[in-house]
N, C-alpha and C. Protein backbone atom coordinates (compact mmCIF):
# COMPACT_ATOMS: atom_id res chain seq x y z
N UNK A 1 18.85 17.03 43.32
CA UNK A 1 19.65 16.68 44.47
C UNK A 1 20.91 15.95 44.06
N UNK A 2 21.72 15.63 45.04
CA UNK A 2 22.98 14.94 44.80
C UNK A 2 22.76 13.59 44.14
N UNK A 3 21.75 12.88 44.56
CA UNK A 3 21.50 11.56 43.98
C UNK A 3 21.20 11.65 42.49
N UNK A 4 20.46 12.68 42.08
CA UNK A 4 20.16 12.85 40.66
C UNK A 4 21.43 13.06 39.86
N UNK A 5 22.35 13.86 40.38
CA UNK A 5 23.62 14.10 39.68
C UNK A 5 24.43 12.84 39.58
N UNK A 6 24.42 12.01 40.62
CA UNK A 6 25.18 10.77 40.57
C UNK A 6 24.63 9.84 39.49
N UNK A 7 23.33 9.85 39.28
CA UNK A 7 22.75 9.00 38.26
C UNK A 7 23.16 9.44 36.86
N UNK A 8 23.44 10.71 36.69
CA UNK A 8 23.83 11.23 35.38
C UNK A 8 25.33 11.13 35.14
N UNK A 9 26.11 10.90 36.17
CA UNK A 9 27.55 10.86 36.04
C UNK A 9 27.97 9.60 35.29
N UNK A 10 28.76 9.77 34.24
CA UNK A 10 29.15 8.62 33.42
C UNK A 10 30.62 8.24 33.57
N UNK A 11 31.29 8.80 34.55
CA UNK A 11 32.69 8.46 34.76
C UNK A 11 33.61 9.32 33.91
N UNK A 12 34.89 8.99 33.98
CA UNK A 12 35.91 9.75 33.27
C UNK A 12 36.64 8.88 32.27
N UNK A 13 37.21 9.52 31.28
CA UNK A 13 38.13 8.86 30.36
C UNK A 13 39.53 9.21 30.86
N UNK A 14 40.18 8.27 31.49
CA UNK A 14 41.44 8.53 32.19
C UNK A 14 42.58 8.94 31.27
N UNK A 15 42.66 8.35 30.10
CA UNK A 15 43.82 8.57 29.25
C UNK A 15 43.57 9.59 28.16
N UNK A 16 42.42 10.22 28.17
CA UNK A 16 42.10 11.24 27.18
C UNK A 16 41.42 10.66 25.97
N UNK A 17 40.50 11.43 25.43
CA UNK A 17 39.73 10.97 24.27
C UNK A 17 40.62 10.72 23.06
N UNK A 18 41.65 11.53 22.90
CA UNK A 18 42.54 11.37 21.74
C UNK A 18 43.26 10.02 21.79
N UNK A 19 43.75 9.66 22.95
CA UNK A 19 44.42 8.37 23.11
C UNK A 19 43.45 7.23 22.88
N UNK A 20 42.27 7.36 23.44
CA UNK A 20 41.25 6.33 23.27
C UNK A 20 40.89 6.17 21.79
N UNK A 21 40.79 7.27 21.08
CA UNK A 21 40.46 7.20 19.65
C UNK A 21 41.59 6.55 18.85
N UNK A 22 42.84 6.77 19.26
CA UNK A 22 43.96 6.10 18.60
C UNK A 22 43.87 4.59 18.77
N UNK A 23 43.46 4.15 19.94
CA UNK A 23 43.28 2.71 20.20
C UNK A 23 42.19 2.16 19.30
N UNK A 24 41.06 2.85 19.23
CA UNK A 24 39.95 2.42 18.39
C UNK A 24 40.39 2.36 16.93
N UNK A 25 41.05 3.40 16.45
CA UNK A 25 41.50 3.44 15.06
C UNK A 25 42.43 2.27 14.75
N UNK A 26 43.36 1.97 15.67
CA UNK A 26 44.29 0.87 15.45
C UNK A 26 43.54 -0.46 15.39
N UNK A 27 42.61 -0.66 16.31
CA UNK A 27 41.85 -1.91 16.31
C UNK A 27 41.01 -2.05 15.05
N UNK A 28 40.37 -0.98 14.61
CA UNK A 28 39.58 -1.01 13.38
C UNK A 28 40.45 -1.40 12.20
N UNK A 29 41.67 -0.88 12.14
CA UNK A 29 42.58 -1.15 11.02
C UNK A 29 43.24 -2.51 11.08
N UNK A 30 43.35 -3.12 12.27
CA UNK A 30 44.18 -4.31 12.42
C UNK A 30 43.49 -5.55 12.97
N UNK A 31 42.25 -5.44 13.40
CA UNK A 31 41.57 -6.57 14.03
C UNK A 31 40.20 -6.76 13.38
N UNK A 32 39.85 -8.01 13.07
CA UNK A 32 38.52 -8.30 12.52
C UNK A 32 37.45 -7.97 13.55
N UNK A 33 36.35 -7.43 13.10
CA UNK A 33 35.30 -6.97 14.01
C UNK A 33 34.59 -8.10 14.74
N UNK A 34 34.79 -9.35 14.31
CA UNK A 34 34.16 -10.46 15.02
C UNK A 34 35.11 -11.13 16.02
N UNK A 35 36.34 -10.65 16.12
CA UNK A 35 37.27 -11.17 17.13
C UNK A 35 36.77 -10.78 18.52
N UNK A 36 37.10 -11.60 19.50
CA UNK A 36 36.69 -11.27 20.87
C UNK A 36 37.74 -10.35 21.49
N UNK A 37 37.26 -9.25 22.06
CA UNK A 37 38.14 -8.26 22.68
C UNK A 37 37.77 -8.10 24.15
N UNK A 38 38.79 -8.05 25.01
CA UNK A 38 38.58 -7.81 26.43
C UNK A 38 39.23 -6.48 26.79
N UNK A 39 38.51 -5.67 27.53
CA UNK A 39 39.02 -4.41 28.05
C UNK A 39 39.18 -4.60 29.56
N UNK A 40 40.41 -4.88 29.98
CA UNK A 40 40.69 -5.12 31.40
C UNK A 40 40.90 -3.77 32.08
N UNK A 41 40.13 -3.52 33.13
CA UNK A 41 40.11 -2.21 33.76
C UNK A 41 39.16 -1.30 33.00
N UNK A 42 38.03 -1.85 32.61
CA UNK A 42 37.11 -1.16 31.70
C UNK A 42 36.50 0.12 32.26
N UNK A 43 36.43 0.25 33.58
CA UNK A 43 35.83 1.45 34.15
C UNK A 43 34.40 1.62 33.69
N UNK A 44 34.10 2.72 33.01
CA UNK A 44 32.72 2.97 32.56
C UNK A 44 32.40 2.32 31.21
N UNK A 45 33.36 1.60 30.63
CA UNK A 45 33.11 0.88 29.38
C UNK A 45 33.10 1.75 28.14
N UNK A 46 33.59 2.97 28.23
CA UNK A 46 33.53 3.90 27.10
C UNK A 46 34.28 3.38 25.87
N UNK A 47 35.45 2.80 26.08
CA UNK A 47 36.21 2.25 24.96
C UNK A 47 35.40 1.18 24.23
N UNK A 48 34.75 0.31 24.98
CA UNK A 48 33.95 -0.75 24.37
C UNK A 48 32.75 -0.17 23.63
N UNK A 49 32.19 0.89 24.15
CA UNK A 49 31.08 1.56 23.48
C UNK A 49 31.52 2.07 22.11
N UNK A 50 32.70 2.69 22.06
CA UNK A 50 33.23 3.17 20.78
C UNK A 50 33.48 2.02 19.81
N UNK A 51 33.98 0.91 20.33
CA UNK A 51 34.24 -0.25 19.48
C UNK A 51 32.93 -0.85 18.97
N UNK A 52 31.91 -0.88 19.80
CA UNK A 52 30.60 -1.39 19.36
C UNK A 52 30.06 -0.51 18.24
N UNK A 53 30.25 0.79 18.36
CA UNK A 53 29.80 1.70 17.32
C UNK A 53 30.56 1.50 16.01
N UNK A 54 31.76 0.93 16.09
CA UNK A 54 32.56 0.63 14.90
C UNK A 54 32.25 -0.76 14.33
N UNK A 55 31.30 -1.47 14.94
CA UNK A 55 30.88 -2.76 14.42
C UNK A 55 31.46 -3.98 15.12
N UNK A 56 32.26 -3.79 16.15
CA UNK A 56 32.77 -4.93 16.90
C UNK A 56 31.62 -5.56 17.68
N UNK A 57 31.58 -6.88 17.69
CA UNK A 57 30.38 -7.55 18.22
C UNK A 57 30.65 -8.54 19.34
N UNK A 58 31.89 -8.73 19.72
CA UNK A 58 32.22 -9.71 20.77
C UNK A 58 33.12 -9.02 21.79
N UNK A 59 32.51 -8.21 22.65
CA UNK A 59 33.25 -7.33 23.55
C UNK A 59 32.97 -7.67 25.01
N UNK A 60 34.04 -7.67 25.81
CA UNK A 60 33.91 -7.94 27.25
C UNK A 60 34.68 -6.89 28.02
N UNK A 61 34.01 -6.27 28.98
CA UNK A 61 34.65 -5.34 29.89
C UNK A 61 34.85 -6.00 31.23
N UNK A 62 36.06 -5.91 31.77
CA UNK A 62 36.40 -6.55 33.04
C UNK A 62 36.93 -5.48 33.98
N UNK A 63 36.41 -5.48 35.21
CA UNK A 63 36.88 -4.53 36.21
C UNK A 63 36.68 -5.16 37.59
N UNK A 64 37.55 -4.83 38.54
CA UNK A 64 37.42 -5.36 39.90
C UNK A 64 36.36 -4.61 40.70
N UNK A 65 35.96 -3.45 40.22
CA UNK A 65 35.01 -2.60 40.93
C UNK A 65 33.57 -2.92 40.52
N UNK A 66 32.80 -3.44 41.45
CA UNK A 66 31.40 -3.76 41.17
C UNK A 66 30.62 -2.51 40.76
N UNK A 67 30.93 -1.38 41.37
CA UNK A 67 30.20 -0.15 41.02
C UNK A 67 30.57 0.30 39.60
N UNK A 68 31.81 0.10 39.19
CA UNK A 68 32.19 0.43 37.81
C UNK A 68 31.47 -0.47 36.81
N UNK A 69 31.39 -1.74 37.12
CA UNK A 69 30.70 -2.68 36.23
C UNK A 69 29.22 -2.34 36.13
N UNK A 70 28.62 -1.99 37.26
CA UNK A 70 27.20 -1.60 37.25
C UNK A 70 27.00 -0.35 36.39
N UNK A 71 27.85 0.65 36.59
CA UNK A 71 27.77 1.88 35.81
C UNK A 71 27.97 1.58 34.32
N UNK A 72 28.98 0.80 33.99
CA UNK A 72 29.26 0.47 32.59
C UNK A 72 28.08 -0.24 31.94
N UNK A 73 27.48 -1.17 32.66
CA UNK A 73 26.33 -1.90 32.12
C UNK A 73 25.15 -0.96 31.87
N UNK A 74 24.95 -0.02 32.79
CA UNK A 74 23.85 0.94 32.63
C UNK A 74 24.11 1.88 31.44
N UNK A 75 25.32 2.41 31.36
CA UNK A 75 25.66 3.34 30.29
C UNK A 75 25.58 2.66 28.92
N UNK A 76 25.96 1.40 28.86
CA UNK A 76 26.05 0.68 27.59
C UNK A 76 24.89 -0.28 27.36
N UNK A 77 23.76 -0.04 28.00
CA UNK A 77 22.62 -0.94 27.87
C UNK A 77 22.11 -1.03 26.43
N UNK A 78 22.42 -0.03 25.61
CA UNK A 78 22.00 -0.06 24.21
C UNK A 78 22.98 -0.82 23.31
N UNK A 79 24.01 -1.42 23.91
CA UNK A 79 24.98 -2.23 23.16
C UNK A 79 24.92 -3.67 23.67
N UNK A 80 24.03 -4.49 23.12
CA UNK A 80 23.86 -5.86 23.62
C UNK A 80 25.06 -6.77 23.41
N UNK A 81 26.01 -6.36 22.57
CA UNK A 81 27.18 -7.21 22.30
C UNK A 81 28.29 -7.00 23.32
N UNK A 82 28.07 -6.12 24.29
CA UNK A 82 29.08 -5.89 25.32
C UNK A 82 28.66 -6.63 26.59
N UNK A 83 29.57 -7.47 27.09
CA UNK A 83 29.35 -8.21 28.32
C UNK A 83 30.29 -7.61 29.38
N UNK A 84 29.81 -7.45 30.59
CA UNK A 84 30.63 -6.91 31.67
C UNK A 84 30.78 -7.93 32.78
N UNK A 85 32.02 -8.05 33.26
CA UNK A 85 32.35 -9.03 34.31
C UNK A 85 33.08 -8.32 35.43
N UNK A 86 32.63 -8.54 36.65
CA UNK A 86 33.33 -8.02 37.83
C UNK A 86 34.32 -9.09 38.28
N UNK A 87 35.62 -8.77 38.15
CA UNK A 87 36.65 -9.76 38.46
C UNK A 87 37.96 -9.05 38.77
N UNK A 88 38.61 -9.48 39.81
CA UNK A 88 39.94 -8.99 40.16
C UNK A 88 40.94 -9.90 39.45
N UNK A 89 41.46 -9.47 38.30
CA UNK A 89 42.32 -10.33 37.49
C UNK A 89 43.67 -10.59 38.14
N UNK A 90 44.07 -9.78 39.10
CA UNK A 90 45.34 -9.98 39.79
C UNK A 90 45.24 -11.13 40.79
N UNK A 91 44.12 -11.21 41.48
CA UNK A 91 43.98 -12.17 42.57
C UNK A 91 42.96 -13.27 42.29
N UNK A 92 42.61 -13.48 41.03
CA UNK A 92 41.62 -14.50 40.68
C UNK A 92 42.14 -15.37 39.55
N UNK A 93 41.54 -16.54 39.42
CA UNK A 93 41.84 -17.40 38.30
C UNK A 93 41.13 -16.86 37.08
N UNK A 94 41.87 -16.68 36.01
CA UNK A 94 41.29 -16.14 34.78
C UNK A 94 41.37 -17.12 33.63
N UNK A 95 41.71 -18.37 33.91
CA UNK A 95 41.89 -19.34 32.83
C UNK A 95 40.60 -19.58 32.04
N UNK A 96 39.45 -19.27 32.62
CA UNK A 96 38.18 -19.44 31.91
C UNK A 96 37.90 -18.31 30.93
N UNK A 97 38.71 -17.26 30.99
CA UNK A 97 38.53 -16.12 30.09
C UNK A 97 39.43 -16.28 28.88
N UNK A 98 38.84 -16.35 27.72
CA UNK A 98 39.62 -16.50 26.47
C UNK A 98 39.16 -15.40 25.51
N UNK A 99 40.10 -14.58 25.09
CA UNK A 99 39.81 -13.52 24.14
C UNK A 99 40.93 -13.42 23.13
N UNK A 100 40.59 -12.97 21.93
CA UNK A 100 41.61 -12.81 20.89
C UNK A 100 42.50 -11.61 21.17
N UNK A 101 41.92 -10.53 21.67
CA UNK A 101 42.66 -9.30 21.94
C UNK A 101 42.29 -8.80 23.32
């Protein structure tokens, strides 16, 4: 049924896999894997998943959409080093968020 398909849907990569891979490659080459990284507008958290697979261990995904955060957490449940936060960074105080990248 429709509900079953929705459970399997993992979202989209908006900017294309090639662009996403260029970001990952640059971070791998230029940033220590223990630095804290925030992905603002994380969506399904795919970028963070790729970074976790490259050995990054301090990752945070931020999105204003509660359903995106829920989906990202479910998809990335096998990556315990990824934390997801539902937050509207435009209309909220973000001074408590500190990340290297």
